């Protein structure tokens, strides 16, 4: 089990993951762009890390920014939610190389 996970997504999916993690006693980290600074998932999470401007290609899908947020917070695992990095094998490989668990299908799936 993990002590802390990072949710690499926003909105309703991030809120659902946070609620479930809370029930399991797991701390959560939200990431957010400028546009999501006051979003519910940011308020709900135990910690939040700013990852850039509103366009997803400058924030939510920039692997280096998510990896930096993981390092900053000490998250042991990442839940990608849906879309964004959820089906990006390079992201899953980067997590594996960093010793961070990917909450989702294995890289080879």
Protein backbone atom coordinates (compact mmCIF):
# COMPACT_ATOMS: atom_id res chain seq x y z
CA UNK A 1 0.00 0.00 0.00
CA UNK A 2 1.07 3.58 -0.53
CA UNK A 3 1.29 6.46 1.95
CA UNK A 4 0.93 9.15 -0.72
CA UNK A 5 -0.21 9.21 -4.34
CA UNK A 6 -0.20 11.92 -6.98
CA UNK A 7 -3.22 12.28 -9.24
CA UNK A 8 -2.00 13.38 -12.68
CA UNK A 9 -5.38 14.71 -13.77
CA UNK A 10 -8.03 17.27 -12.86
CA UNK A 11 -11.76 17.70 -12.35
CA UNK A 12 -14.22 14.98 -11.43
CA UNK A 13 -11.85 12.05 -11.99
CA UNK A 14 -9.26 13.61 -9.67
CA UNK A 15 -11.97 14.24 -7.04
CA UNK A 16 -13.10 10.61 -7.22
CA UNK A 17 -9.56 9.31 -6.80
CA UNK A 18 -8.99 11.67 -3.86
CA UNK A 19 -12.21 10.51 -2.14
CA UNK A 20 -11.27 6.86 -2.54
CA UNK A 21 -7.69 7.43 -1.38
CA UNK A 22 -8.95 9.31 1.68
CA UNK A 23 -11.19 6.35 2.60
CA UNK A 24 -8.12 4.12 2.34
CA UNK A 25 -6.00 6.42 4.52
CA UNK A 26 -3.75 7.49 1.65
CA UNK A 27 -2.54 11.10 1.35
CA UNK A 28 -3.08 12.78 -2.01
CA UNK A 29 -1.28 15.26 -4.22
CA UNK A 30 -3.13 17.24 -6.87
CA UNK A 31 -1.49 18.95 -9.81
CA UNK A 32 -3.02 22.05 -11.36
CA UNK A 33 -2.58 24.58 -14.14
CA UNK A 34 -3.17 28.32 -13.77
CA UNK A 35 -6.79 27.82 -14.86
CA UNK A 36 -7.41 25.16 -12.19
CA UNK A 37 -5.83 27.02 -9.26
CA UNK A 38 -9.17 27.19 -7.40
CA UNK A 39 -10.61 23.89 -8.63
CA UNK A 40 -12.25 21.43 -6.24
CA UNK A 41 -9.60 18.74 -6.73
CA UNK A 42 -6.93 21.22 -5.60
CA UNK A 43 -8.91 22.08 -2.47
CA UNK A 44 -9.64 18.44 -1.67
CA UNK A 45 -6.08 17.12 -1.95
CA UNK A 46 -3.66 17.09 0.97
CA UNK A 47 -1.07 18.84 -1.19
CA UNK A 48 -1.14 20.59 -4.56
CA UNK A 49 1.60 21.44 -7.05
CA UNK A 50 1.35 24.06 -9.79
CA UNK A 51 2.45 22.63 -13.15
CA UNK A 52 2.04 25.52 -15.60
CA UNK A 53 -0.29 27.40 -17.93
CA UNK A 54 -3.78 26.21 -18.94
CA UNK A 55 -3.04 24.38 -22.21
CA UNK A 56 -2.64 20.68 -21.37
CA UNK A 57 0.37 20.45 -23.69
CA UNK A 58 2.09 22.95 -21.39
CA UNK A 59 1.01 21.37 -18.11
CA UNK A 60 -0.93 18.13 -17.63
CA UNK A 61 0.80 16.13 -20.37
CA UNK A 62 4.34 17.37 -19.80
CA UNK A 63 6.02 14.34 -18.26
CA UNK A 64 8.90 16.35 -16.76
CA UNK A 65 6.47 18.60 -14.87
CA UNK A 66 4.63 15.63 -13.40
CA UNK A 67 7.92 13.94 -12.49
CA UNK A 68 9.07 17.15 -10.76
CA UNK A 69 5.82 17.24 -8.77
CA UNK A 70 6.43 13.64 -7.70
CA UNK A 71 9.96 14.50 -6.53
CA UNK A 72 8.75 17.61 -4.69
CA UNK A 73 6.11 15.73 -2.75
CA UNK A 74 7.58 12.27 -2.29
CA UNK A 75 4.55 10.58 -3.84
CA UNK A 76 5.07 6.82 -4.11
CA UNK A 77 2.57 6.23 -6.89
CA UNK A 78 0.66 8.05 -9.62
CA UNK A 79 -2.96 7.63 -10.66
CA UNK A 80 -3.26 9.08 -14.17
CA UNK A 81 -7.06 9.29 -14.28
CA UNK A 82 -8.42 9.21 -17.84
CA UNK A 83 -6.89 10.81 -20.92
CA UNK A 84 -3.80 12.99 -20.52
CA UNK A 85 -0.99 10.57 -19.56
CA UNK A 86 -3.10 7.49 -18.79
CA UNK A 87 -2.12 5.69 -22.00
CA UNK A 88 1.34 7.15 -22.46
CA UNK A 89 3.90 4.34 -22.24
CA UNK A 90 6.79 6.84 -21.98
CA UNK A 91 5.19 8.22 -18.82
CA UNK A 92 4.78 4.74 -17.35
CA UNK A 93 8.41 3.97 -18.24
CA UNK A 94 9.60 7.22 -16.60
CA UNK A 95 7.71 6.32 -13.43
CA UNK A 96 9.20 2.82 -13.44
CA UNK A 97 12.73 4.22 -13.90
CA UNK A 98 12.14 6.55 -10.92
CA UNK A 99 10.80 3.74 -8.74
CA UNK A 100 7.31 5.23 -8.65
CA UNK A 101 4.31 2.93 -9.07
CA UNK A 102 1.86 3.52 -11.92
CA UNK A 103 -1.71 2.87 -10.81
CA UNK A 104 -2.99 1.36 -14.03
CA UNK A 105 -2.11 -1.28 -16.59
CA UNK A 106 1.52 -2.38 -16.90
CA UNK A 107 3.74 -0.74 -19.52
CA UNK A 108 3.48 -3.72 -21.87
CA UNK A 109 -0.33 -3.81 -21.88
